[in-house]
Amino acid sequence: MEREPKPEHDTFDEFMEMERGRLQEHASGKLAEALGHALPGESQEELDRIAQEDQRLAKEGMVKLKVGEEVSYKHVEELTREDRPARIAAEREEVAWLMGRIRFRRQRDR
């Protein structure tokens, strides 16, 4: 029996699959790996706390949402299509922060 194709614009299932995969990675300590050692002006203890909190939240299935400056958390299985922009905004902010740290390391190591 063949499955009916989904409309091309309906990517919510793929979004949810990616979010579940991302949570598994973070639950296994991906952020701690990405952070590495503290940069000048950073506290290793604070980075460790951030990584531990990220791992704890991921193990609980919680994802970060951001609307403007407001941050909230929601269980991945409770996400709706309407949450997608807030989830993407939170992820973009984290990626930008990590990329900034990578750029700093590269400039410092030249």
PDB file of N, CA and C in Angstrom:
ATOM      1  N   MET A   1       0.848  -1.190   0.000  1.00  0.00           N
ATOM      2  CA  MET A   1       0.000   0.000   0.000  1.00  0.00           C
ATOM      3  C   MET A   1       0.891   1.250   0.000  1.00  0.00           C
ATOM      4  N   GLU A   2       0.686   2.139  -0.943  1.00  0.00           N
ATOM      5  CA  GLU A   2       1.489   3.356  -1.062  1.00  0.00           C
ATOM      6  C   GLU A   2       0.934   4.452  -0.171  1.00  0.00           C
ATOM      7  N   ARG A   3       1.856   5.221   0.386  1.00  0.00           N
ATOM      8  CA  ARG A   3       1.446   6.380   1.177  1.00  0.00           C
ATOM      9  C   ARG A   3       1.136   7.525   0.242  1.00  0.00           C
ATOM     10  N   GLU A   4       0.138   8.287   0.623  1.00  0.00           N
ATOM     11  CA  GLU A   4      -0.167   9.483  -0.156  1.00  0.00           C
ATOM     12  C   GLU A   4       0.909  10.518   0.098  1.00  0.00           C
ATOM     13  N   PRO A   5       1.388  11.184  -0.922  1.00  0.00           N
ATOM     14  CA  PRO A   5       2.411  12.219  -0.691  1.00  0.00           C
ATOM     15  C   PRO A   5       1.827  13.373   0.109  1.00  0.00           C
ATOM     16  N   LYS A   6       2.655  13.932   0.950  1.00  0.00           N
ATOM     17  CA  LYS A   6       2.234  15.092   1.742  1.00  0.00           C
ATOM     18  C   LYS A   6       2.394  16.337   0.893  1.00  0.00           C
ATOM     19  N   PRO A   7       1.621  17.351   1.176  1.00  0.00           N
ATOM     20  CA  PRO A   7       1.830  18.612   0.451  1.00  0.00           C
ATOM     21  C   PRO A   7       3.258  19.102   0.682  1.00  0.00           C
ATOM     22  N   GLU A   8       3.874  19.663  -0.333  1.00  0.00           N
ATOM     23  CA  GLU A   8       5.264  20.108  -0.244  1.00  0.00           C
ATOM     24  C   GLU A   8       5.462  21.171   0.826  1.00  0.00           C
ATOM     25  N   HIS A   9       4.444  21.992   1.045  1.00  0.00           N
ATOM     26  CA  HIS A   9       4.585  23.075   2.012  1.00  0.00           C
ATOM     27  C   HIS A   9       4.441  22.601   3.453  1.00  0.00           C
ATOM     28  N   ASP A  10       4.055  21.360   3.668  1.00  0.00           N
ATOM     29  CA  ASP A  10       3.860  20.840   5.020  1.00  0.00           C
ATOM     30  C   ASP A  10       5.152  20.197   5.511  1.00  0.00           C
ATOM     31  N   THR A  11       5.995  20.993   6.153  1.00  0.00           N
ATOM     32  CA  THR A  11       7.282  20.503   6.614  1.00  0.00           C
ATOM     33  C   THR A  11       7.317  20.338   8.133  1.00  0.00           C
ATOM     34  N   PHE A  12       6.168  20.422   8.789  1.00  0.00           N
ATOM     35  CA  PHE A  12       6.156  20.354  10.244  1.00  0.00           C
ATOM     36  C   PHE A  12       6.661  19.002  10.749  1.00  0.00           C
ATOM     37  N   ASP A  13       6.306  17.918  10.085  1.00  0.00           N
ATOM     38  CA  ASP A  13       6.791  16.601  10.511  1.00  0.00           C
ATOM     39  C   ASP A  13       8.313  16.537  10.444  1.00  0.00           C
ATOM     40  N   GLU A  14       8.892  17.090   9.383  1.00  0.00           N
ATOM     41  CA  GLU A  14      10.345  17.118   9.250  1.00  0.00           C
ATOM     42  C   GLU A  14      10.971  18.004  10.328  1.00  0.00           C
ATOM     43  N   PHE A  15      10.329  19.124  10.603  1.00  0.00           N
ATOM     44  CA  PHE A  15      10.788  20.021  11.661  1.00  0.00           C
ATOM     45  C   PHE A  15      10.816  19.286  12.999  1.00  0.00           C
ATOM     46  N   MET A  16       9.748  18.560  13.311  1.00  0.00           N
ATOM     47  CA  MET A  16       9.668  17.824  14.572  1.00  0.00           C
ATOM     48  C   MET A  16      10.731  16.724  14.634  1.00  0.00           C
ATOM     49  N   GLU A  17      10.963  16.064  13.543  1.00  0.00           N
ATOM     50  CA  GLU A  17      11.988  15.023  13.501  1.00  0.00           C
ATOM     51  C   GLU A  17      13.369  15.627  13.781  1.00  0.00           C
ATOM     52  N   MET A  18      13.635  16.772  13.184  1.00  0.00           N
ATOM     53  CA  MET A  18      14.908  17.456  13.427  1.00  0.00           C
ATOM     54  C   MET A  18      15.029  17.899  14.884  1.00  0.00           C
ATOM     55  N   GLU A  19      13.947  18.391  15.458  1.00  0.00           N
ATOM     56  CA  GLU A  19      13.972  18.830  16.856  1.00  0.00           C
ATOM     57  C   GLU A  19      14.241  17.653  17.788  1.00  0.00           C
ATOM     58  N   ARG A  20      13.619  16.519  17.534  1.00  0.00           N
ATOM     59  CA  ARG A  20      13.861  15.335  18.363  1.00  0.00           C
ATOM     60  C   ARG A  20      15.322  14.890  18.244  1.00  0.00           C
ATOM     61  N   GLY A  21      15.867  14.923  17.037  1.00  0.00           N
ATOM     62  CA  GLY A  21      17.265  14.568  16.829  1.00  0.00           C
ATOM     63  C   GLY A  21      18.205  15.531  17.528  1.00  0.00           C
ATOM     64  N   ARG A  22      17.874  16.815  17.452  1.00  0.00           N
ATOM     65  CA  ARG A  22      18.675  17.838  18.115  1.00  0.00           C
ATOM     66  C   ARG A  22      18.668  17.615  19.623  1.00  0.00           C
ATOM     67  N   LEU A  23      17.511  17.267  20.167  1.00  0.00           N
ATOM     68  CA  LEU A  23      17.433  17.007  21.611  1.00  0.00           C
ATOM     69  C   LEU A  23      18.317  15.826  22.002  1.00  0.00           C
ATOM     70  N   GLN A  24      18.322  14.791  21.205  1.00  0.00           N
ATOM     71  CA  GLN A  24      19.170  13.626  21.504  1.00  0.00           C
ATOM     72  C   GLN A  24      20.644  14.030  21.524  1.00  0.00           C
ATOM     73  N   GLU A  25      21.043  14.842  20.554  1.00  0.00           N
ATOM     74  CA  GLU A  25      22.433  15.301  20.512  1.00  0.00           C
ATOM     75  C   GLU A  25      22.779  16.121  21.751  1.00  0.00           C
ATOM     76  N   HIS A  26      21.890  17.028  22.118  1.00  0.00           N
ATOM     77  CA  HIS A  26      22.154  17.876  23.275  1.00  0.00           C
ATOM     78  C   HIS A  26      22.110  17.063  24.569  1.00  0.00           C
ATOM     79  N   ALA A  27      21.239  16.065  24.647  1.00  0.00           N
ATOM     80  CA  ALA A  27      21.179  15.208  25.831  1.00  0.00           C
ATOM     81  C   ALA A  27      22.474  14.429  26.012  1.00  0.00           C
ATOM     82  N   SER A  28      23.169  14.158  24.916  1.00  0.00           N
ATOM     83  CA  SER A  28      24.431  13.428  25.004  1.00  0.00           C
ATOM     84  C   SER A  28      25.637  14.353  25.198  1.00  0.00           C
ATOM     85  N   GLY A  29      25.401  15.658  25.363  1.00  0.00           N
ATOM     86  CA  GLY A  29      26.474  16.585  25.695  1.00  0.00           C
ATOM     87  C   GLY A  29      27.053  17.363  24.529  1.00  0.00           C
ATOM     88  N   LYS A  30      26.300  17.532  23.458  1.00  0.00           N
ATOM     89  CA  LYS A  30      26.803  18.232  22.280  1.00  0.00           C
ATOM     90  C   LYS A  30      27.236  19.675  22.590  1.00  0.00           C
ATOM     91  N   LEU A  31      26.482  20.390  23.386  1.00  0.00           N
ATOM     92  CA  LEU A  31      26.837  21.778  23.665  1.00  0.00           C
ATOM     93  C   LEU A  31      28.158  21.861  24.433  1.00  0.00           C
ATOM     94  N   ALA A  32      28.341  20.989  25.413  1.00  0.00           N
ATOM     95  CA  ALA A  32      29.598  20.992  26.173  1.00  0.00           C
ATOM     96  C   ALA A  32      30.778  20.782  25.236  1.00  0.00           C
ATOM     97  N   GLU A  33      30.620  19.872  24.289  1.00  0.00           N
ATOM     98  CA  GLU A  33      31.661  19.622  23.290  1.00  0.00           C
ATOM     99  C   GLU A  33      31.929  20.875  22.460  1.00  0.00           C
ATOM    100  N   ALA A  34      30.853  21.514  22.023  1.00  0.00           N
ATOM    101  CA  ALA A  34      30.971  22.695  21.170  1.00  0.00           C
ATOM    102  C   ALA A  34      31.603  23.866  21.921  1.00  0.00           C
ATOM    103  N   LEU A  35      31.335  23.973  23.202  1.00  0.00           N
ATOM    104  CA  LEU A  35      31.867  25.093  23.980  1.00  0.00           C
ATOM    105  C   LEU A  35      33.360  24.968  24.233  1.00  0.00           C
ATOM    106  N   GLY A  36      33.805  23.773  24.516  1.00  0.00           N
ATOM    107  CA  GLY A  36      35.229  23.590  24.795  1.00  0.00           C
ATOM    108  C   GLY A  36      35.644  24.354  26.032  1.00  0.00           C
ATOM    109  N   HIS A  37      36.824  24.956  25.970  1.00  0.00           N
ATOM    110  CA  HIS A  37      37.374  25.684  27.112  1.00  0.00           C
ATOM    111  C   HIS A  37      36.986  27.153  27.056  1.00  0.00           C
ATOM    112  N   ALA A  38      36.999  27.748  28.227  1.00  0.00           N
ATOM    113  CA  ALA A  38      36.641  29.162  28.346  1.00  0.00           C
ATOM    114  C   ALA A  38      37.611  30.038  27.565  1.00  0.00           C
ATOM    115  N   LEU A  39      37.075  31.055  26.957  1.00  0.00           N
ATOM    116  CA  LEU A  39      37.871  32.072  26.268  1.00  0.00           C
ATOM    117  C   LEU A  39      38.233  33.165  27.271  1.00  0.00           C
ATOM    118  N   PRO A  40      39.195  34.006  26.937  1.00  0.00           N
ATOM    119  CA  PRO A  40      39.525  35.109  27.851  1.00  0.00           C
ATOM    120  C   PRO A  40      38.268  35.916  28.195  1.00  0.00           C
ATOM    121  N   GLY A  41      38.094  36.155  29.469  1.00  0.00           N
ATOM    122  CA  GLY A  41      36.933  36.918  29.934  1.00  0.00           C
ATOM    123  C   GLY A  41      35.729  36.048  30.256  1.00  0.00           C
ATOM    124  N   GLU A  42      35.806  34.757  29.941  1.00  0.00           N
ATOM    125  CA  GLU A  42      34.719  33.833  30.253  1.00  0.00           C
ATOM    126  C   GLU A  42      35.081  33.012  31.486  1.00  0.00           C
ATOM    127  N   SER A  43      34.076  32.509  32.133  1.00  0.00           N
ATOM    128  CA  SER A  43      34.266  31.646  33.289  1.00  0.00           C
ATOM    129  C   SER A  43      34.013  30.196  32.861  1.00  0.00           C
ATOM    130  N   GLN A  44      34.982  29.312  33.104  1.00  0.00           N
ATOM    131  CA  GLN A  44      34.784  27.899  32.771  1.00  0.00           C
ATOM    132  C   GLN A  44      33.618  27.326  33.571  1.00  0.00           C
ATOM    133  N   GLU A  45      33.478  27.780  34.808  1.00  0.00           N
ATOM    134  CA  GLU A  45      32.373  27.301  35.649  1.00  0.00           C
ATOM    135  C   GLU A  45      31.024  27.689  35.045  1.00  0.00           C
ATOM    136  N   GLU A  46      30.944  28.906  34.514  1.00  0.00           N
ATOM    137  CA  GLU A  46      29.694  29.356  33.887  1.00  0.00           C
ATOM    138  C   GLU A  46      29.415  28.558  32.619  1.00  0.00           C
ATOM    139  N   LEU A  47      30.443  28.307  31.810  1.00  0.00           N
ATOM    140  CA  LEU A  47      30.250  27.487  30.602  1.00  0.00           C
ATOM    141  C   LEU A  47      29.803  26.077  30.974  1.00  0.00           C
ATOM    142  N   ASP A  48      30.403  25.515  32.006  1.00  0.00           N
ATOM    143  CA  ASP A  48      30.017  24.174  32.457  1.00  0.00           C
ATOM    144  C   ASP A  48      28.563  24.169  32.928  1.00  0.00           C
ATOM    145  N   ARG A  49      28.169  25.228  33.637  1.00  0.00           N
ATOM    146  CA  ARG A  49      26.780  25.327  34.119  1.00  0.00           C
ATOM    147  C   ARG A  49      25.812  25.416  32.942  1.00  0.00           C
ATOM    148  N   ILE A  50      26.160  26.226  31.943  1.00  0.00           N
ATOM    149  CA  ILE A  50      25.321  26.367  30.748  1.00  0.00           C
ATOM    150  C   ILE A  50      25.178  25.017  30.052  1.00  0.00           C
ATOM    151  N   ALA A  51      26.291  24.306  29.895  1.00  0.00           N
ATOM    152  CA  ALA A  51      26.268  23.000  29.217  1.00  0.00           C
ATOM    153  C   ALA A  51      25.449  21.980  30.009  1.00  0.00           C
ATOM    154  N   GLN A  52      25.601  21.965  31.329  1.00  0.00           N
ATOM    155  CA  GLN A  52      24.839  21.027  32.162  1.00  0.00           C
ATOM    156  C   GLN A  52      23.348  21.317  32.109  1.00  0.00           C
ATOM    157  N   GLU A  53      23.005  22.598  32.140  1.00  0.00           N
ATOM    158  CA  GLU A  53      21.589  22.984  32.067  1.00  0.00           C
ATOM    159  C   GLU A  53      21.000  22.599  30.704  1.00  0.00           C
ATOM    160  N   ASP A  54      21.760  22.823  29.633  1.00  0.00           N
ATOM    161  CA  ASP A  54      21.324  22.450  28.293  1.00  0.00           C
ATOM    162  C   ASP A  54      21.086  20.941  28.222  1.00  0.00           C
ATOM    163  N   GLN A  55      22.003  20.169  28.787  1.00  0.00           N
ATOM    164  CA  GLN A  55      21.876  18.719  28.761  1.00  0.00           C
ATOM    165  C   GLN A  55      20.672  18.261  29.589  1.00  0.00           C
ATOM    166  N   ARG A  56      20.479  18.859  30.748  1.00  0.00           N
ATOM    167  CA  ARG A  56      19.333  18.506  31.598  1.00  0.00           C
ATOM    168  C   ARG A  56      18.009  18.788  30.892  1.00  0.00           C
ATOM    169  N   LEU A  57      17.899  19.980  30.316  1.00  0.00           N
ATOM    170  CA  LEU A  57      16.669  20.347  29.614  1.00  0.00           C
ATOM    171  C   LEU A  57      16.416  19.408  28.434  1.00  0.00           C
ATOM    172  N   ALA A  58      17.470  19.072  27.697  1.00  0.00           N
ATOM    173  CA  ALA A  58      17.321  18.177  26.548  1.00  0.00           C
ATOM    174  C   ALA A  58      16.847  16.800  26.999  1.00  0.00           C
ATOM    175  N   LYS A  59      17.388  16.298  28.088  1.00  0.00           N
ATOM    176  CA  LYS A  59      16.966  14.990  28.606  1.00  0.00           C
ATOM    177  C   LYS A  59      15.501  15.006  29.016  1.00  0.00           C
ATOM    178  N   GLU A  60      15.015  16.176  29.448  1.00  0.00           N
ATOM    179  CA  GLU A  60      13.608  16.329  29.836  1.00  0.00           C
ATOM    180  C   GLU A  60      12.715  16.599  28.624  1.00  0.00           C
ATOM    181  N   GLY A  61      13.316  16.765  27.443  1.00  0.00           N
ATOM    182  CA  GLY A  61      12.539  17.022  26.233  1.00  0.00           C
ATOM    183  C   GLY A  61      12.133  18.470  26.052  1.00  0.00           C
ATOM    184  N   MET A  62      12.795  19.370  26.768  1.00  0.00           N
ATOM    185  CA  MET A  62      12.425  20.779  26.718  1.00  0.00           C
ATOM    186  C   MET A  62      13.240  21.518  25.663  1.00  0.00           C
ATOM    187  N   VAL A  63      12.561  22.361  24.894  1.00  0.00           N
ATOM    188  CA  VAL A  63      13.216  23.172  23.873  1.00  0.00           C
ATOM    189  C   VAL A  63      12.992  24.646  24.202  1.00  0.00           C
ATOM    190  N   LYS A  64      13.955  25.446  23.794  1.00  0.00           N
ATOM    191  CA  LYS A  64      13.925  26.884  24.057  1.00  0.00           C
ATOM    192  C   LYS A  64      13.166  27.594  22.938  1.00  0.00           C
ATOM    193  N   LEU A  65      12.329  28.544  23.326  1.00  0.00           N
ATOM    194  CA  LEU A  65      11.596  29.396  22.389  1.00  0.00           C
ATOM    195  C   LEU A  65      11.982  30.840  22.697  1.00  0.00           C
ATOM    196  N   LYS A  66      12.048  31.653  21.658  1.00  0.00           N
ATOM    197  CA  LYS A  66      12.379  33.063  21.874  1.00  0.00           C
ATOM    198  C   LYS A  66      11.502  33.941  20.995  1.00  0.00           C
ATOM    199  N   VAL A  67      10.814  34.866  21.644  1.00  0.00           N
ATOM    200  CA  VAL A  67      10.003  35.861  20.946  1.00  0.00           C
ATOM    201  C   VAL A  67      10.463  37.212  21.455  1.00  0.00           C
ATOM    202  N   GLY A  68      11.089  37.986  20.566  1.00  0.00           N
ATOM    203  CA  GLY A  68      11.688  39.251  20.999  1.00  0.00           C
ATOM    204  C   GLY A  68      12.775  38.950  21.994  1.00  0.00           C
ATOM    205  N   GLU A  69      12.697  39.515  23.177  1.00  0.00           N
ATOM    206  CA  GLU A  69      13.680  39.248  24.235  1.00  0.00           C
ATOM    207  C   GLU A  69      13.178  38.189  25.212  1.00  0.00           C
ATOM    208  N   GLU A  70      11.924  37.761  25.038  1.00  0.00           N
ATOM    209  CA  GLU A  70      11.325  36.803  25.974  1.00  0.00           C
ATOM    210  C   GLU A  70      11.699  35.371  25.612  1.00  0.00           C
ATOM    211  N   VAL A  71      12.239  34.651  26.592  1.00  0.00           N
ATOM    212  CA  VAL A  71      12.634  33.255  26.428  1.00  0.00           C
ATOM    213  C   VAL A  71      11.705  32.383  27.255  1.00  0.00           C
ATOM    214  N   SER A  72      11.271  31.281  26.676  1.00  0.00           N
ATOM    215  CA  SER A  72      10.471  30.311  27.413  1.00  0.00           C
ATOM    216  C   SER A  72      10.882  28.915  26.956  1.00  0.00           C
ATOM    217  N   TYR A  73      10.365  27.917  27.640  1.00  0.00           N
ATOM    218  CA  TYR A  73      10.670  26.527  27.309  1.00  0.00           C
ATOM    219  C   TYR A  73       9.368  25.761  27.170  1.00  0.00           C
ATOM    220  N   LYS A  74       9.396  24.763  26.290  1.00  0.00           N
ATOM    221  CA  LYS A  74       8.207  23.964  26.032  1.00  0.00           C
ATOM    222  C   LYS A  74       8.657  22.545  25.719  1.00  0.00           C
ATOM    223  N   HIS A  75       7.865  21.570  26.130  1.00  0.00           N
ATOM    224  CA  HIS A  75       8.207  20.182  25.803  1.00  0.00           C
ATOM    225  C   HIS A  75       8.074  19.992  24.292  1.00  0.00           C
ATOM    226  N   VAL A  76       9.034  19.288  23.723  1.00  0.00           N
ATOM    227  CA  VAL A  76       9.080  19.114  22.262  1.00  0.00           C
ATOM    228  C   VAL A  76       7.770  18.557  21.708  1.00  0.00           C
ATOM    229  N   GLU A  77       7.130  17.665  22.442  1.00  0.00           N
ATOM    230  CA  GLU A  77       5.895  17.045  21.941  1.00  0.00           C
ATOM    231  C   GLU A  77       4.701  17.992  22.019  1.00  0.00           C
ATOM    232  N   GLU A  78       4.875  19.145  22.653  1.00  0.00           N
ATOM    233  CA  GLU A  78       3.799  20.138  22.731  1.00  0.00           C
ATOM    234  C   GLU A  78       3.966  21.260  21.709  1.00  0.00           C
ATOM    235  N   LEU A  79       5.051  21.203  20.930  1.00  0.00           N
ATOM    236  CA  LEU A  79       5.273  22.238  19.922  1.00  0.00           C
ATOM    237  C   LEU A  79       4.171  22.233  18.878  1.00  0.00           C
ATOM    238  N   THR A  80       3.839  23.408  18.412  1.00  0.00           N
ATOM    239  CA  THR A  80       2.849  23.554  17.346  1.00  0.00           C
ATOM    240  C   THR A  80       3.517  24.261  16.170  1.00  0.00           C
ATOM    241  N   ARG A  81       2.833  24.288  15.066  1.00  0.00           N
ATOM    242  CA  ARG A  81       3.353  25.010  13.905  1.00  0.00           C
ATOM    243  C   ARG A  81       3.640  26.469  14.254  1.00  0.00           C
ATOM    244  N   GLU A  82       2.810  27.038  15.101  1.00  0.00           N
ATOM    245  CA  GLU A  82       2.954  28.443  15.481  1.00  0.00           C
ATOM    246  C   GLU A  82       4.209  28.684  16.317  1.00  0.00           C
ATOM    247  N   ASP A  83       4.736  27.637  16.955  1.00  0.00           N
ATOM    248  CA  ASP A  83       5.956  27.763  17.768  1.00  0.00           C
ATOM    249  C   ASP A  83       7.226  27.764  16.924  1.00  0.00           C
ATOM    250  N   ARG A  84       7.111  27.346  15.689  1.00  0.00           N
ATOM    251  CA  ARG A  84       8.295  27.176  14.853  1.00  0.00           C
ATOM    252  C   ARG A  84       9.152  28.455  14.756  1.00  0.00           C
ATOM    253  N   PRO A  85       8.586  29.641  14.488  1.00  0.00           N
ATOM    254  CA  PRO A  85       9.439  30.841  14.409  1.00  0.00           C
ATOM    255  C   PRO A  85      10.184  31.124  15.722  1.00  0.00           C
ATOM    256  N   ALA A  86       9.531  30.913  16.858  1.00  0.00           N
ATOM    257  CA  ALA A  86      10.171  31.151  18.152  1.00  0.00           C
ATOM    258  C   ALA A  86      11.266  30.119  18.413  1.00  0.00           C
ATOM    259  N   ARG A  87      11.053  28.902  17.974  1.00  0.00           N
ATOM    260  CA  ARG A  87      12.061  27.848  18.141  1.00  0.00           C
ATOM    261  C   ARG A  87      13.276  28.145  17.256  1.00  0.00           C
ATOM    262  N   ILE A  88      13.014  28.559  16.030  1.00  0.00           N
ATOM    263  CA  ILE A  88      14.093  28.887  15.093  1.00  0.00           C
ATOM    264  C   ILE A  88      14.882  30.094  15.601  1.00  0.00           C
ATOM    265  N   ALA A  89      14.192  31.090  16.154  1.00  0.00           N
ATOM    266  CA  ALA A  89      14.872  32.273  16.689  1.00  0.00           C
ATOM    267  C   ALA A  89      15.814  31.883  17.828  1.00  0.00           C
ATOM    268  N   ALA A  90      15.362  30.996  18.708  1.00  0.00           N
ATOM    269  CA  ALA A  90      16.209  30.553  19.821  1.00  0.00           C
ATOM    270  C   ALA A  90      17.427  29.795  19.303  1.00  0.00           C
ATOM    271  N   GLU A  91      17.222  28.950  18.319  1.00  0.00           N
ATOM    272  CA  GLU A  91      18.327  28.172  17.745  1.00  0.00           C
ATOM    273  C   GLU A  91      19.322  29.091  17.036  1.00  0.00           C
ATOM    274  N   ARG A  92      18.823  30.065  16.310  1.00  0.00           N
ATOM    275  CA  ARG A  92      19.710  31.024  15.619  1.00  0.00           C
ATOM    276  C   ARG A  92      20.586  31.780  16.607  1.00  0.00           C
ATOM    277  N   GLU A  93      20.000  32.188  17.722  1.00  0.00           N
ATOM    278  CA  GLU A  93      20.757  32.918  18.734  1.00  0.00           C
ATOM    279  C   GLU A  93      21.888  32.043  19.279  1.00  0.00           C
ATOM    280  N   GLU A  94      21.599  30.784  19.565  1.00  0.00           N
ATOM    281  CA  GLU A  94      22.626  29.877  20.076  1.00  0.00           C
ATOM    282  C   GLU A  94      23.731  29.661  19.041  1.00  0.00           C
ATOM    283  N   VAL A  95      23.346  29.439  17.808  1.00  0.00           N
ATOM    284  CA  VAL A  95      24.329  29.230  16.742  1.00  0.00           C
ATOM    285  C   VAL A  95      25.195  30.471  16.561  1.00  0.00           C
ATOM    286  N   ALA A  96      24.593  31.652  16.598  1.00  0.00           N
ATOM    287  CA  ALA A  96      25.359  32.897  16.441  1.00  0.00           C
ATOM    288  C   ALA A  96      26.376  33.038  17.580  1.00  0.00           C
ATOM    289  N   TRP A  97      25.977  32.710  18.797  1.00  0.00           N
ATOM    290  CA  TRP A  97      26.876  32.783  19.944  1.00  0.00           C
ATOM    291  C   TRP A  97      28.047  31.814  19.768  1.00  0.00           C
ATOM    292  N   LEU A  98      27.738  30.581  19.380  1.00  0.00           N
ATOM    293  CA  LEU A  98      28.793  29.586  19.170  1.00  0.00           C
ATOM    294  C   LEU A  98      29.723  29.987  18.020  1.00  0.00           C
ATOM    295  N   MET A  99      29.167  30.507  16.950  1.00  0.00           N
ATOM    296  CA  MET A  99      29.980  30.942  15.806  1.00  0.00           C
ATOM    297  C   MET A  99      30.887  32.108  16.201  1.00  0.00           C
ATOM    298  N   GLY A 100      30.394  33.009  17.028  1.00  0.00           N
ATOM    299  CA  GLY A 100      31.210  34.107  17.520  1.00  0.00           C
ATOM    300  C   GLY A 100      32.404  33.600  18.321  1.00  0.00           C
ATOM    301  N   ARG A 101      32.184  32.577  19.114  1.00  0.00           N
ATOM    302  CA  ARG A 101      33.281  31.983  19.888  1.00  0.00           C
ATOM    303  C   ARG A 101      34.300  31.333  18.955  1.00  0.00           C
ATOM    304  N   ILE A 102      33.825  30.667  17.912  1.00  0.00           N
ATOM    305  CA  ILE A 102      34.731  30.025  16.945  1.00  0.00           C
ATOM    306  C   ILE A 102      35.563  31.081  16.228  1.00  0.00           C
ATOM    307  N   ARG A 103      34.920  32.162  15.782  1.00  0.00           N
ATOM    308  CA  ARG A 103      35.639  33.249  15.104  1.00  0.00           C
ATOM    309  C   ARG A 103      36.711  33.845  16.013  1.00  0.00           C
ATOM    310  N   PHE A 104      36.377  34.052  17.277  1.00  0.00           N
ATOM    311  CA  PHE A 104      37.333  34.607  18.224  1.00  0.00           C
ATOM    312  C   PHE A 104      38.537  33.675  18.362  1.00  0.00           C
ATOM    313  N   ARG A 105      38.274  32.367  18.497  1.00  0.00           N
ATOM    314  CA  ARG A 105      39.359  31.389  18.624  1.00  0.00           C
ATOM    315  C   ARG A 105      40.270  31.416  17.400  1.00  0.00           C
ATOM    316  N   ARG A 106      39.661  31.457  16.232  1.00  0.00           N
ATOM    317  CA  ARG A 106      40.450  31.462  14.996  1.00  0.00           C
ATOM    318  C   ARG A 106      41.326  32.707  14.892  1.00  0.00           C
ATOM    319  N   GLN A 107      40.781  33.854  15.232  1.00  0.00           N
ATOM    320  CA  GLN A 107      41.545  35.093  15.186  1.00  0.00           C
ATOM    321  C   GLN A 107      42.669  35.077  16.203  1.00  0.00           C
ATOM    322  N   ARG A 108      42.379  34.538  17.360  1.00  0.00           N
ATOM    323  CA  ARG A 108      43.380  34.478  18.429  1.00  0.00           C
ATOM    324  C   ARG A 108      44.521  33.529  18.078  1.00  0.00           C
ATOM    325  N   ASP A 109      44.187  32.436  17.387  1.00  0.00           N
ATOM    326  CA  ASP A 109      45.179  31.399  17.086  1.00  0.00           C
ATOM    327  C   ASP A 109      46.008  31.698  15.842  1.00  0.00           C
ATOM    328  N   ARG A 110      45.772  32.819  15.181  1.00  0.00           N
ATOM    329  CA  ARG A 110      46.546  33.154  13.966  1.00  0.00           C
ATOM    330  C   ARG A 110      47.966  33.510  14.284  1.00  0.00           C
TER     331      ARG A 110
END
